[in-house]
Amino acid sequence: MATDSDLGGGTDLLDRELEQLLNDELSEDGDHDKFSHYVPKDKIIESAVTGKPVRALCGKKWTPNANPERFPVCPSCKEVYEKLRDE
């Protein structure tokens, strides 16, 4: 008798579907795209390798694919960064 795992289903399938749904839902477009965002370097590298989205200090979640030097710094990211730096 075939089990859920033999058929590629079960919790593994649910986990993959949930991860994809969350990634699709949490990746954002909009005004945030007009800015360069602050993200830890290790997360940028991880995203480049895995293709997974990153989360900026301001909360924006996206997969980086543009040269950040082309855009001004996100004011929300800058504010959070300065507060963290001052602590």
N, C-alpha and C. Protein backbone atom coordinates (compact mmCIF):
# COMPACT_ATOMS: atom_id res chain seq x y z
N MET A 1 0.84 -1.19 0.00
CA MET A 1 0.00 0.00 0.00
C MET A 1 0.89 1.25 0.00
N ALA A 2 0.58 2.21 -0.84
CA ALA A 2 1.37 3.44 -0.93
C ALA A 2 0.98 4.38 0.20
N THR A 3 2.00 5.03 0.77
CA THR A 3 1.75 6.02 1.82
C THR A 3 1.80 7.41 1.22
N ASP A 4 1.42 8.41 2.04
CA ASP A 4 1.48 9.80 1.57
C ASP A 4 2.89 10.17 1.14
N SER A 5 3.90 9.72 1.91
CA SER A 5 5.27 10.09 1.57
C SER A 5 5.73 9.41 0.28
N ASP A 6 5.20 8.21 -0.02
CA ASP A 6 5.53 7.54 -1.27
C ASP A 6 4.99 8.31 -2.48
N LEU A 7 3.90 9.00 -2.27
CA LEU A 7 3.26 9.73 -3.36
C LEU A 7 3.71 11.18 -3.44
N GLY A 8 4.68 11.56 -2.59
CA GLY A 8 5.16 12.94 -2.59
C GLY A 8 4.21 13.87 -1.87
N GLY A 9 3.35 13.33 -1.04
CA GLY A 9 2.37 14.15 -0.33
C GLY A 9 2.71 14.26 1.14
N GLY A 10 1.69 14.24 1.96
CA GLY A 10 1.89 14.31 3.40
C GLY A 10 2.38 15.67 3.85
N THR A 11 3.05 15.66 4.98
CA THR A 11 3.49 16.94 5.57
C THR A 11 4.56 17.61 4.73
N ASP A 12 5.40 16.84 4.02
CA ASP A 12 6.42 17.46 3.17
C ASP A 12 5.77 18.32 2.10
N LEU A 13 4.74 17.82 1.48
CA LEU A 13 4.03 18.57 0.46
C LEU A 13 3.37 19.81 1.06
N LEU A 14 2.73 19.64 2.21
CA LEU A 14 2.09 20.78 2.87
C LEU A 14 3.11 21.84 3.26
N ASP A 15 4.27 21.40 3.76
CA ASP A 15 5.33 22.35 4.13
C ASP A 15 5.80 23.14 2.92
N ARG A 16 6.01 22.46 1.79
CA ARG A 16 6.46 23.14 0.57
C ARG A 16 5.40 24.13 0.07
N GLU A 17 4.13 23.68 0.09
CA GLU A 17 3.06 24.56 -0.38
C GLU A 17 2.90 25.78 0.53
N LEU A 18 3.01 25.58 1.84
CA LEU A 18 2.90 26.69 2.79
C LEU A 18 4.05 27.67 2.60
N GLU A 19 5.27 27.16 2.45
CA GLU A 19 6.43 28.03 2.24
C GLU A 19 6.27 28.85 0.98
N GLN A 20 5.81 28.24 -0.11
CA GLN A 20 5.61 28.96 -1.37
C GLN A 20 4.53 30.02 -1.21
N LEU A 21 3.43 29.66 -0.54
CA LEU A 21 2.34 30.61 -0.33
C LEU A 21 2.81 31.81 0.48
N LEU A 22 3.56 31.57 1.54
CA LEU A 22 4.06 32.66 2.37
C LEU A 22 5.04 33.53 1.59
N ASN A 23 5.92 32.93 0.82
CA ASN A 23 6.87 33.71 0.03
C ASN A 23 6.15 34.56 -1.01
N ASP A 24 5.14 34.00 -1.66
CA ASP A 24 4.38 34.75 -2.66
C ASP A 24 3.61 35.89 -2.01
N GLU A 25 3.01 35.62 -0.85
CA GLU A 25 2.18 36.62 -0.18
C GLU A 25 3.01 37.74 0.43
N LEU A 26 4.19 37.41 0.95
CA LEU A 26 4.97 38.40 1.67
C LEU A 26 5.91 39.21 0.78
N SER A 27 6.16 38.77 -0.44
CA SER A 27 6.98 39.55 -1.35
C SER A 27 6.15 40.73 -1.82
N GLU A 28 6.69 41.92 -1.72
CA GLU A 28 5.91 43.12 -1.98
C GLU A 28 6.45 43.89 -3.17
N ASP A 29 5.56 44.57 -3.83
CA ASP A 29 5.91 45.53 -4.86
C ASP A 29 5.32 46.86 -4.42
N GLY A 30 5.68 47.93 -5.11
CA GLY A 30 5.08 49.22 -4.78
C GLY A 30 6.11 50.29 -4.54
N ASP A 31 5.75 51.27 -3.70
CA ASP A 31 6.61 52.42 -3.45
C ASP A 31 7.97 52.03 -2.90
N HIS A 32 8.05 50.92 -2.17
CA HIS A 32 9.33 50.49 -1.61
C HIS A 32 10.36 50.25 -2.71
N ASP A 33 9.90 49.97 -3.92
CA ASP A 33 10.82 49.68 -5.02
C ASP A 33 11.59 50.91 -5.48
N LYS A 34 11.19 52.08 -5.03
CA LYS A 34 11.86 53.31 -5.43
C LYS A 34 13.06 53.62 -4.54
N PHE A 35 13.35 52.75 -3.58
CA PHE A 35 14.41 52.99 -2.61
C PHE A 35 15.38 51.82 -2.52
N SER A 36 16.57 52.12 -2.02
CA SER A 36 17.53 51.09 -1.61
C SER A 36 17.26 50.81 -0.14
N HIS A 37 17.28 49.54 0.22
CA HIS A 37 16.92 49.14 1.58
C HIS A 37 18.11 48.56 2.32
N TYR A 38 18.07 48.67 3.64
CA TYR A 38 19.10 48.10 4.50
C TYR A 38 18.73 46.66 4.83
N VAL A 39 19.64 45.75 4.46
CA VAL A 39 19.49 44.32 4.71
C VAL A 39 20.86 43.79 5.12
N PRO A 40 20.94 42.90 6.11
CA PRO A 40 22.24 42.32 6.48
C PRO A 40 22.91 41.66 5.27
N LYS A 41 24.23 41.87 5.14
CA LYS A 41 24.97 41.34 3.98
C LYS A 41 24.82 39.84 3.83
N ASP A 42 24.84 39.11 4.95
CA ASP A 42 24.73 37.65 4.85
C ASP A 42 23.38 37.24 4.25
N LYS A 43 22.35 38.03 4.48
CA LYS A 43 21.03 37.71 3.91
C LYS A 43 20.99 38.01 2.41
N ILE A 44 21.72 39.05 1.98
CA ILE A 44 21.81 39.36 0.55
C ILE A 44 22.52 38.22 -0.17
N ILE A 45 23.62 37.74 0.41
CA ILE A 45 24.37 36.63 -0.19
C ILE A 45 23.51 35.38 -0.24
N GLU A 46 22.83 35.09 0.87
CA GLU A 46 21.96 33.92 0.92
C GLU A 46 20.87 34.01 -0.16
N SER A 47 20.30 35.18 -0.34
CA SER A 47 19.27 35.37 -1.35
C SER A 47 19.83 35.15 -2.76
N ALA A 48 21.05 35.62 -2.99
CA ALA A 48 21.68 35.44 -4.30
C ALA A 48 21.89 33.96 -4.61
N VAL A 49 22.19 33.18 -3.58
CA VAL A 49 22.45 31.75 -3.77
C VAL A 49 21.14 30.96 -3.87
N THR A 50 20.19 31.26 -2.98
CA THR A 50 18.97 30.45 -2.88
C THR A 50 17.78 31.00 -3.65
N GLY A 51 17.81 32.31 -3.94
CA GLY A 51 16.66 32.93 -4.58
C GLY A 51 15.54 33.29 -3.63
N LYS A 52 15.77 33.09 -2.34
CA LYS A 52 14.74 33.41 -1.34
C LYS A 52 14.70 34.91 -1.08
N PRO A 53 13.52 35.43 -0.76
CA PRO A 53 13.40 36.87 -0.46
C PRO A 53 14.14 37.26 0.81
N VAL A 54 14.45 38.54 0.92
CA VAL A 54 15.08 39.11 2.12
C VAL A 54 14.09 40.08 2.74
N ARG A 55 14.32 40.42 4.02
CA ARG A 55 13.49 41.41 4.70
C ARG A 55 14.36 42.58 5.11
N ALA A 56 13.99 43.78 4.67
CA ALA A 56 14.71 45.00 5.01
C ALA A 56 14.34 45.46 6.42
N LEU A 57 15.12 46.39 6.95
CA LEU A 57 14.84 46.92 8.28
C LEU A 57 13.45 47.56 8.36
N CYS A 58 12.97 48.10 7.26
CA CYS A 58 11.65 48.74 7.24
C CYS A 58 10.51 47.73 7.18
N GLY A 59 10.83 46.46 6.92
CA GLY A 59 9.81 45.43 6.85
C GLY A 59 9.52 44.94 5.45
N LYS A 60 9.99 45.62 4.43
CA LYS A 60 9.76 45.18 3.06
C LYS A 60 10.42 43.83 2.82
N LYS A 61 9.69 42.93 2.17
CA LYS A 61 10.24 41.62 1.83
C LYS A 61 10.19 41.47 0.31
N TRP A 62 11.34 41.14 -0.28
CA TRP A 62 11.44 41.01 -1.73
C TRP A 62 12.71 40.25 -2.08
N THR A 63 12.81 39.86 -3.34
CA THR A 63 14.02 39.22 -3.84
C THR A 63 14.82 40.29 -4.58
N PRO A 64 16.00 40.67 -4.06
CA PRO A 64 16.79 41.72 -4.69
C PRO A 64 17.20 41.33 -6.11
N ASN A 65 17.08 42.29 -7.02
CA ASN A 65 17.48 42.02 -8.41
C ASN A 65 17.94 43.28 -9.14
N ALA A 66 18.13 44.38 -8.41
CA ALA A 66 18.55 45.63 -9.05
C ALA A 66 19.74 46.21 -8.31
N ASN A 67 20.46 47.08 -8.98
CA ASN A 67 21.60 47.76 -8.38
C ASN A 67 21.08 48.81 -7.39
N PRO A 68 21.33 48.63 -6.09
CA PRO A 68 20.79 49.56 -5.09
C PRO A 68 21.37 50.96 -5.19
N GLU A 69 22.50 51.12 -5.86
CA GLU A 69 23.12 52.44 -5.98
C GLU A 69 22.30 53.37 -6.89
N ARG A 70 21.35 52.82 -7.61
CA ARG A 70 20.52 53.63 -8.51
C ARG A 70 19.41 54.38 -7.78
N PHE A 71 19.16 54.03 -6.52
CA PHE A 71 18.02 54.58 -5.80
C PHE A 71 18.45 55.26 -4.51
N PRO A 72 17.65 56.21 -4.01
CA PRO A 72 17.94 56.81 -2.71
C PRO A 72 17.66 55.80 -1.59
N VAL A 73 18.26 56.03 -0.43
CA VAL A 73 18.07 55.14 0.72
C VAL A 73 16.65 55.28 1.25
N CYS A 74 16.04 54.17 1.58
CA CYS A 74 14.70 54.14 2.17
C CYS A 74 14.71 54.91 3.49
N PRO A 75 13.87 55.93 3.64
CA PRO A 75 13.87 56.71 4.88
C PRO A 75 13.53 55.87 6.11
N SER A 76 12.63 54.91 5.97
CA SER A 76 12.26 54.06 7.11
C SER A 76 13.43 53.17 7.52
N CYS A 77 14.13 52.58 6.55
CA CYS A 77 15.30 51.76 6.86
C CYS A 77 16.37 52.60 7.56
N LYS A 78 16.59 53.80 7.04
CA LYS A 78 17.61 54.68 7.62
C LYS A 78 17.27 55.03 9.06
N GLU A 79 16.01 55.32 9.33
CA GLU A 79 15.57 55.67 10.68
C GLU A 79 15.79 54.49 11.65
N VAL A 80 15.41 53.29 11.22
CA VAL A 80 15.59 52.11 12.07
C VAL A 80 17.07 51.86 12.30
N TYR A 81 17.88 51.97 11.25
CA TYR A 81 19.32 51.75 11.36
C TYR A 81 19.94 52.72 12.36
N GLU A 82 19.58 53.99 12.27
CA GLU A 82 20.15 54.99 13.17
C GLU A 82 19.74 54.74 14.62
N LYS A 83 18.51 54.30 14.85
CA LYS A 83 18.07 53.96 16.21
C LYS A 83 18.86 52.78 16.75
N LEU A 84 19.07 51.77 15.91
CA LEU A 84 19.84 50.59 16.34
C LEU A 84 21.29 50.95 16.62
N ARG A 85 21.85 51.81 15.80
CA ARG A 85 23.24 52.22 15.95
C ARG A 85 23.45 53.00 17.24
N ASP A 86 22.46 53.82 17.61
CA ASP A 86 22.57 54.65 18.80
C ASP A 86 22.41 53.87 20.10
N GLU A 87 21.87 52.67 20.02
CA GLU A 87 21.65 51.87 21.24
C GLU A 87 22.91 51.24 21.75
